[in-house]
Amino acid sequence: NTSKNIGIRPNCFSTHAVLEAYNPFNNASITIFNNSGQVVREFGNISGNLVVINRDNLPSGIYFVRLTENNKVLMSEKIVITDSAPKR
């Protein structure tokens, strides 16, 4: 299961998060869905180990991120976008 080697941090963010993979991917795609299942953002032609996911104009809420490569789902994860950074 390759999803154990891929993660998004932080998983409660207000401006951006980083998707990091232990093994690099090549020509992958990231799709972000809202909690109704609608696609709200897509990125294609992604290669490497790190991808920065910027919030841009997405409202706060729960989203689902799917990383695919060669028509295979490498990772699917829930993320939370907030209006303020979490307190530590």
N, C-alpha and C. Protein backbone atom coordinates (compact mmCIF):
# COMPACT_ATOMS: atom_id res chain seq x y z
N ASN A 1 0.85 -1.18 0.00
CA ASN A 1 0.00 0.00 0.00
C ASN A 1 0.89 1.24 0.00
N THR A 2 0.92 1.96 -1.10
CA THR A 2 1.79 3.12 -1.21
C THR A 2 1.29 4.31 -0.42
N SER A 3 0.01 4.33 -0.02
CA SER A 3 -0.50 5.49 0.70
C SER A 3 0.21 5.71 2.02
N LYS A 4 0.82 4.67 2.60
CA LYS A 4 1.55 4.84 3.85
C LYS A 4 2.83 5.63 3.64
N ASN A 5 3.29 5.73 2.41
CA ASN A 5 4.50 6.46 2.09
C ASN A 5 4.21 7.86 1.57
N ILE A 6 2.94 8.29 1.63
CA ILE A 6 2.53 9.60 1.13
C ILE A 6 1.70 10.26 2.22
N GLY A 7 1.98 11.53 2.50
CA GLY A 7 1.21 12.23 3.52
C GLY A 7 1.05 13.70 3.20
N ILE A 8 0.07 14.32 3.85
CA ILE A 8 -0.17 15.76 3.71
C ILE A 8 -0.01 16.37 5.09
N ARG A 9 0.83 17.42 5.15
CA ARG A 9 1.07 18.08 6.43
C ARG A 9 1.14 19.58 6.25
N PRO A 10 0.63 20.38 7.15
CA PRO A 10 -0.27 19.93 8.21
C PRO A 10 -1.63 19.59 7.63
N ASN A 11 -2.37 18.78 8.34
CA ASN A 11 -3.67 18.38 7.82
C ASN A 11 -4.80 19.21 8.38
N CYS A 12 -4.51 20.28 8.97
CA CYS A 12 -5.48 21.33 9.29
C CYS A 12 -4.72 22.60 9.00
N PHE A 13 -5.04 23.25 7.88
CA PHE A 13 -4.22 24.40 7.46
C PHE A 13 -5.10 25.55 7.02
N SER A 14 -4.48 26.74 7.04
CA SER A 14 -5.22 27.93 6.63
C SER A 14 -4.69 28.54 5.34
N THR A 15 -3.42 28.30 5.00
CA THR A 15 -2.87 28.89 3.77
C THR A 15 -2.36 27.84 2.79
N HIS A 16 -1.62 26.84 3.28
CA HIS A 16 -1.08 25.82 2.38
C HIS A 16 -0.71 24.56 3.17
N ALA A 17 -0.59 23.48 2.45
CA ALA A 17 -0.13 22.21 2.99
C ALA A 17 0.85 21.61 1.99
N VAL A 18 1.63 20.65 2.45
CA VAL A 18 2.62 19.99 1.60
C VAL A 18 2.28 18.52 1.50
N LEU A 19 2.16 18.03 0.27
CA LEU A 19 2.00 16.60 0.02
C LEU A 19 3.40 16.06 -0.22
N GLU A 20 3.80 15.08 0.59
CA GLU A 20 5.15 14.54 0.49
C GLU A 20 5.10 13.03 0.29
N ALA A 21 5.92 12.55 -0.62
CA ALA A 21 5.98 11.12 -0.93
C ALA A 21 7.38 10.60 -0.69
N TYR A 22 7.48 9.40 -0.12
CA TYR A 22 8.78 8.77 0.09
C TYR A 22 9.41 8.41 -1.26
N ASN A 23 8.59 7.84 -2.14
CA ASN A 23 9.04 7.51 -3.50
C ASN A 23 8.51 8.57 -4.45
N PRO A 24 9.34 9.12 -5.32
CA PRO A 24 8.87 10.15 -6.24
C PRO A 24 7.82 9.62 -7.21
N PHE A 25 6.89 10.49 -7.56
CA PHE A 25 5.91 10.13 -8.57
C PHE A 25 6.25 10.87 -9.85
N ASN A 26 5.69 10.37 -10.97
CA ASN A 26 6.01 10.92 -12.27
C ASN A 26 4.72 11.11 -13.06
N ASN A 27 4.47 12.34 -13.51
CA ASN A 27 3.28 12.65 -14.29
C ASN A 27 2.00 12.26 -13.55
N ALA A 28 1.95 12.60 -12.27
CA ALA A 28 0.79 12.29 -11.43
C ALA A 28 -0.22 13.44 -11.48
N SER A 29 -1.40 13.20 -10.92
CA SER A 29 -2.45 14.21 -10.85
C SER A 29 -3.00 14.27 -9.44
N ILE A 30 -3.35 15.47 -9.01
CA ILE A 30 -4.01 15.66 -7.72
C ILE A 30 -5.38 16.25 -8.01
N THR A 31 -6.39 15.66 -7.40
CA THR A 31 -7.76 16.16 -7.51
C THR A 31 -8.27 16.45 -6.11
N ILE A 32 -8.86 17.62 -5.91
CA ILE A 32 -9.45 17.98 -4.62
C ILE A 32 -10.95 18.08 -4.80
N PHE A 33 -11.67 17.37 -3.92
CA PHE A 33 -13.13 17.33 -3.93
C PHE A 33 -13.66 18.01 -2.68
N ASN A 34 -14.83 18.67 -2.79
CA ASN A 34 -15.48 19.18 -1.59
C ASN A 34 -16.27 18.03 -0.94
N ASN A 35 -16.92 18.31 0.18
CA ASN A 35 -17.61 17.23 0.88
C ASN A 35 -18.89 16.77 0.17
N SER A 36 -19.24 17.42 -0.93
CA SER A 36 -20.37 16.97 -1.76
C SER A 36 -19.89 16.12 -2.93
N GLY A 37 -18.57 15.92 -3.03
CA GLY A 37 -18.02 15.11 -4.10
C GLY A 37 -17.72 15.87 -5.38
N GLN A 38 -17.89 17.19 -5.37
CA GLN A 38 -17.61 18.00 -6.55
C GLN A 38 -16.12 18.32 -6.63
N VAL A 39 -15.55 18.26 -7.83
CA VAL A 39 -14.15 18.62 -8.02
C VAL A 39 -14.02 20.13 -7.90
N VAL A 40 -13.15 20.58 -6.99
CA VAL A 40 -12.93 22.02 -6.80
C VAL A 40 -11.56 22.47 -7.29
N ARG A 41 -10.64 21.52 -7.48
CA ARG A 41 -9.31 21.86 -7.99
C ARG A 41 -8.65 20.61 -8.54
N GLU A 42 -7.87 20.81 -9.62
CA GLU A 42 -7.11 19.70 -10.21
C GLU A 42 -5.74 20.21 -10.61
N PHE A 43 -4.73 19.36 -10.39
CA PHE A 43 -3.36 19.65 -10.81
C PHE A 43 -2.88 18.44 -11.59
N GLY A 44 -2.22 18.66 -12.71
CA GLY A 44 -1.71 17.56 -13.50
C GLY A 44 -0.22 17.70 -13.77
N ASN A 45 0.36 16.67 -14.39
CA ASN A 45 1.77 16.65 -14.76
C ASN A 45 2.69 16.93 -13.58
N ILE A 46 2.40 16.30 -12.44
CA ILE A 46 3.19 16.50 -11.23
C ILE A 46 4.24 15.40 -11.13
N SER A 47 5.47 15.81 -10.87
CA SER A 47 6.57 14.86 -10.69
C SER A 47 7.40 15.30 -9.49
N GLY A 48 8.01 14.34 -8.82
CA GLY A 48 8.87 14.64 -7.68
C GLY A 48 8.34 14.05 -6.39
N ASN A 49 8.86 14.58 -5.28
CA ASN A 49 8.49 14.09 -3.95
C ASN A 49 7.61 15.05 -3.17
N LEU A 50 7.61 16.33 -3.54
CA LEU A 50 6.88 17.35 -2.79
C LEU A 50 5.97 18.16 -3.69
N VAL A 51 4.76 18.43 -3.19
CA VAL A 51 3.82 19.31 -3.89
C VAL A 51 3.20 20.23 -2.84
N VAL A 52 3.24 21.53 -3.08
CA VAL A 52 2.59 22.48 -2.19
C VAL A 52 1.16 22.68 -2.68
N ILE A 53 0.22 22.50 -1.78
CA ILE A 53 -1.20 22.71 -2.09
C ILE A 53 -1.60 24.03 -1.43
N ASN A 54 -1.85 25.04 -2.25
CA ASN A 54 -2.26 26.35 -1.73
C ASN A 54 -3.76 26.41 -1.59
N ARG A 55 -4.21 27.07 -0.54
CA ARG A 55 -5.63 27.22 -0.29
C ARG A 55 -6.28 28.09 -1.37
N ASP A 56 -5.61 29.15 -1.74
CA ASP A 56 -6.14 30.13 -2.68
C ASP A 56 -7.52 30.59 -2.24
N ASN A 57 -8.55 30.37 -3.03
CA ASN A 57 -9.88 30.89 -2.70
C ASN A 57 -10.83 29.82 -2.16
N LEU A 58 -10.32 28.68 -1.72
CA LEU A 58 -11.21 27.64 -1.18
C LEU A 58 -11.74 28.07 0.19
N PRO A 59 -13.03 27.96 0.41
CA PRO A 59 -13.57 28.29 1.73
C PRO A 59 -13.16 27.24 2.76
N SER A 60 -13.23 27.61 4.03
CA SER A 60 -12.90 26.65 5.07
C SER A 60 -13.88 25.48 5.01
N GLY A 61 -13.40 24.31 5.39
CA GLY A 61 -14.25 23.12 5.35
C GLY A 61 -13.44 21.86 5.20
N ILE A 62 -14.15 20.77 4.97
CA ILE A 62 -13.54 19.45 4.79
C ILE A 62 -13.46 19.14 3.31
N TYR A 63 -12.30 18.67 2.88
CA TYR A 63 -12.07 18.32 1.49
C TYR A 63 -11.42 16.94 1.42
N PHE A 64 -11.41 16.37 0.24
CA PHE A 64 -10.78 15.08 0.01
C PHE A 64 -9.76 15.24 -1.12
N VAL A 65 -8.56 14.75 -0.90
CA VAL A 65 -7.48 14.86 -1.87
C VAL A 65 -7.18 13.47 -2.41
N ARG A 66 -7.10 13.37 -3.74
CA ARG A 66 -6.76 12.09 -4.37
C ARG A 66 -5.56 12.31 -5.29
N LEU A 67 -4.53 11.48 -5.09
CA LEU A 67 -3.34 11.50 -5.92
C LEU A 67 -3.36 10.26 -6.80
N THR A 68 -3.29 10.46 -8.12
CA THR A 68 -3.30 9.34 -9.05
C THR A 68 -2.08 9.41 -9.96
N GLU A 69 -1.64 8.22 -10.40
CA GLU A 69 -0.53 8.11 -11.34
C GLU A 69 -0.80 6.88 -12.20
N ASN A 70 -0.75 7.05 -13.51
CA ASN A 70 -1.02 5.96 -14.45
C ASN A 70 -2.36 5.27 -14.16
N ASN A 71 -3.40 6.08 -13.92
CA ASN A 71 -4.75 5.59 -13.64
C ASN A 71 -4.84 4.74 -12.38
N LYS A 72 -3.89 4.89 -11.47
CA LYS A 72 -3.90 4.17 -10.19
C LYS A 72 -3.94 5.19 -9.06
N VAL A 73 -4.84 4.98 -8.11
CA VAL A 73 -4.93 5.88 -6.96
C VAL A 73 -3.79 5.54 -5.99
N LEU A 74 -2.91 6.51 -5.78
CA LEU A 74 -1.79 6.31 -4.87
C LEU A 74 -2.14 6.72 -3.44
N MET A 75 -3.04 7.70 -3.31
CA MET A 75 -3.40 8.20 -2.00
C MET A 75 -4.75 8.90 -2.08
N SER A 76 -5.56 8.71 -1.06
CA SER A 76 -6.81 9.43 -0.93
C SER A 76 -6.94 9.80 0.55
N GLU A 77 -7.07 11.09 0.83
CA GLU A 77 -7.05 11.53 2.22
C GLU A 77 -7.96 12.73 2.43
N LYS A 78 -8.53 12.82 3.61
CA LYS A 78 -9.37 13.95 4.01
C LYS A 78 -8.45 15.05 4.53
N ILE A 79 -8.74 16.29 4.15
CA ILE A 79 -8.01 17.44 4.69
C ILE A 79 -9.01 18.45 5.23
N VAL A 80 -8.54 19.29 6.12
CA VAL A 80 -9.37 20.32 6.72
C VAL A 80 -8.71 21.68 6.48
N ILE A 81 -9.49 22.62 5.93
CA ILE A 81 -9.03 23.98 5.73
C ILE A 81 -9.77 24.86 6.73
N THR A 82 -9.00 25.67 7.48
CA THR A 82 -9.58 26.55 8.48
C THR A 82 -9.28 27.99 8.13
N ASP A 83 -9.98 28.90 8.81
CA ASP A 83 -9.72 30.33 8.59
C ASP A 83 -8.58 30.86 9.42
N SER A 84 -8.10 30.06 10.37
CA SER A 84 -6.95 30.47 11.18
C SER A 84 -6.10 29.25 11.46
N ALA A 85 -4.82 29.46 11.62
CA ALA A 85 -3.92 28.35 11.89
C ALA A 85 -4.23 27.72 13.24
N PRO A 86 -4.10 26.40 13.36
CA PRO A 86 -4.36 25.76 14.65
C PRO A 86 -3.35 26.19 15.70
N LYS A 87 -3.82 26.32 16.93
CA LYS A 87 -2.92 26.68 18.03
C LYS A 87 -2.14 25.47 18.47
N ARG A 88 -0.88 25.68 18.80
CA ARG A 88 -0.02 24.57 19.24
C ARG A 88 0.33 24.72 20.69
